[in-house]
Amino acid sequence: STSFHDPKQAFMESHDWDYCFLSPVFNSISKKGYLSTFTDLQVPSTVKNLVALGGMNKENISQAVEMGFNGVAILGAVWESNDPVKVFKELKEECNRTVHMY
C-alpha cells in the first residue's frame, strides 16, 4: 500500500499498488489545521483501490463513496471520541451499509 496527497498522482499510480490512500479528503479530525483541498473531487471509475483518509466520520462516509472512493480509513473519529467503542460500532454499521470494496 501507499499514500498520496495529490489526487492526480494517485489516479495515475494507483494501478501499481494493492491499496492506495488519498488524504486529507475532508478536514482532519486528529491533525488540527490539516485541511482538505479536494473540493468537488471525483475518482475515475478506472481506479479500483483508492481509500479515502482524513476527516472521515459517520456523516461523510457516503459522500466519500459518492466521490468514487472504494473504501474509507477512519482514525480521528474513533481516537478523538469520548466513547470509541460506540463510535467504532456506528462507523462499522455505516461502512457495511455504504462501502463496497472491489
Protein backbone atom coordinates (compact mmCIF):
# COMPACT_ATOMS: atom_id res chain seq x y z
CA SER A 1 0.00 0.00 0.00
CA THR A 2 0.95 3.64 -0.29
CA SER A 3 -0.41 7.10 0.46
CA PHE A 4 -0.88 10.12 -1.75
CA HIS A 5 -1.70 13.75 -1.11
CA ASP A 6 -2.13 14.61 -4.78
CA PRO A 7 -5.22 13.16 -6.50
CA LYS A 8 -3.72 13.25 -9.99
CA GLN A 9 -0.70 11.29 -8.84
CA ALA A 10 -2.94 8.81 -7.01
CA PHE A 11 -5.07 8.29 -10.11
CA MET A 12 -2.01 7.72 -12.32
CA GLU A 13 -0.07 5.44 -9.96
CA SER A 14 -2.83 3.50 -8.18
CA HIS A 15 -2.50 0.54 -10.55
CA ASP A 16 0.97 -0.15 -9.07
CA TRP A 17 -0.43 -0.88 -5.59
CA ASP A 18 -2.92 -3.18 -3.87
CA TYR A 19 -4.34 -0.29 -1.83
CA CYS A 20 -3.80 3.47 -2.03
CA PHE A 21 -4.80 6.12 0.46
CA LEU A 22 -5.57 9.70 -0.51
CA SER A 23 -5.63 12.34 2.21
CA PRO A 24 -6.92 14.54 3.56
CA VAL A 25 -10.23 14.01 1.78
CA PHE A 26 -12.02 16.02 4.47
CA ASN A 27 -10.55 18.29 7.15
CA SER A 28 -8.55 16.10 9.53
CA ILE A 29 -10.04 15.32 12.92
CA SER A 30 -6.84 14.19 14.66
CA LYS A 31 -4.43 16.63 12.98
CA LYS A 32 -5.81 20.07 13.78
CA GLY A 33 -5.34 22.51 10.93
CA TYR A 34 -4.71 19.77 8.34
CA LEU A 35 -7.31 20.90 5.83
CA SER A 36 -8.63 19.23 2.70
CA THR A 37 -8.12 20.84 -0.67
CA PHE A 38 -10.17 18.26 -2.57
CA THR A 39 -13.34 20.20 -3.32
CA ASP A 40 -15.54 18.52 -5.92
CA LEU A 41 -13.14 15.58 -6.29
CA GLN A 42 -14.36 12.70 -8.44
CA VAL A 43 -12.35 9.48 -8.53
CA PRO A 44 -12.26 7.97 -12.04
CA SER A 45 -14.14 4.69 -12.36
CA THR A 46 -10.94 3.03 -13.59
CA VAL A 47 -9.35 3.49 -10.13
CA LYS A 48 -10.41 0.46 -8.09
CA ASN A 49 -8.27 0.58 -4.96
CA LEU A 50 -8.36 4.14 -3.63
CA VAL A 51 -9.25 4.61 0.03
CA ALA A 52 -10.37 7.95 1.48
CA LEU A 53 -8.40 9.08 4.52
CA GLY A 54 -8.64 12.26 6.54
CA GLY A 55 -11.63 13.69 8.35
CA MET A 56 -13.74 10.57 7.88
CA ASN A 57 -16.74 10.25 10.16
CA LYS A 58 -20.18 8.66 10.12
CA GLU A 59 -21.69 11.68 8.38
CA ASN A 60 -19.35 11.74 5.37
CA ILE A 61 -18.69 8.06 4.58
CA SER A 62 -21.45 8.01 1.97
CA GLN A 63 -20.08 11.24 0.46
CA ALA A 64 -16.67 9.59 0.02
CA VAL A 65 -18.35 6.64 -1.73
CA GLU A 66 -20.26 9.06 -3.98
CA MET A 67 -16.94 10.73 -4.84
CA GLY A 68 -15.80 7.34 -6.18
CA PHE A 69 -13.61 6.09 -3.34
CA ASN A 70 -13.58 2.32 -2.94
CA GLY A 71 -13.17 2.42 0.82
CA VAL A 72 -12.54 4.63 3.81
CA ALA A 73 -9.91 4.65 6.56
CA ILE A 74 -11.02 6.08 9.87
CA LEU A 75 -8.74 7.20 12.68
CA GLY A 76 -9.57 10.51 14.35
CA ALA A 77 -13.31 9.90 14.67
CA VAL A 78 -12.52 6.94 16.95
CA TRP A 79 -9.40 8.31 18.66
CA GLU A 80 -10.95 11.68 19.50
CA SER A 81 -14.24 10.22 20.73
CA ASN A 82 -15.34 10.03 24.37
CA ASP A 83 -16.81 6.60 23.61
CA PRO A 84 -14.57 4.98 20.98
CA VAL A 85 -16.26 1.57 21.10
CA LYS A 86 -19.68 3.08 20.44
CA VAL A 87 -18.30 5.26 17.62
CA PHE A 88 -16.47 2.29 16.09
CA LYS A 89 -19.69 0.25 16.04
CA GLU A 90 -21.60 3.13 14.42
CA LEU A 91 -18.87 3.60 11.82
CA LYS A 92 -18.76 -0.11 11.08
CA GLU A 93 -22.52 -0.17 10.57
CA GLU A 94 -22.35 2.81 8.20
CA CYS A 95 -19.46 1.25 6.27
CA ASN A 96 -21.34 -2.04 5.94
CA ARG A 97 -24.28 -0.10 4.56
CA THR A 98 -22.43 2.09 2.05
CA VAL A 99 -18.90 0.89 1.24
CA HIS A 100 -18.45 -1.98 -1.19
CA MET A 101 -14.76 -2.68 -1.74
CA TYR A 102 -13.89 -4.30 -5.05
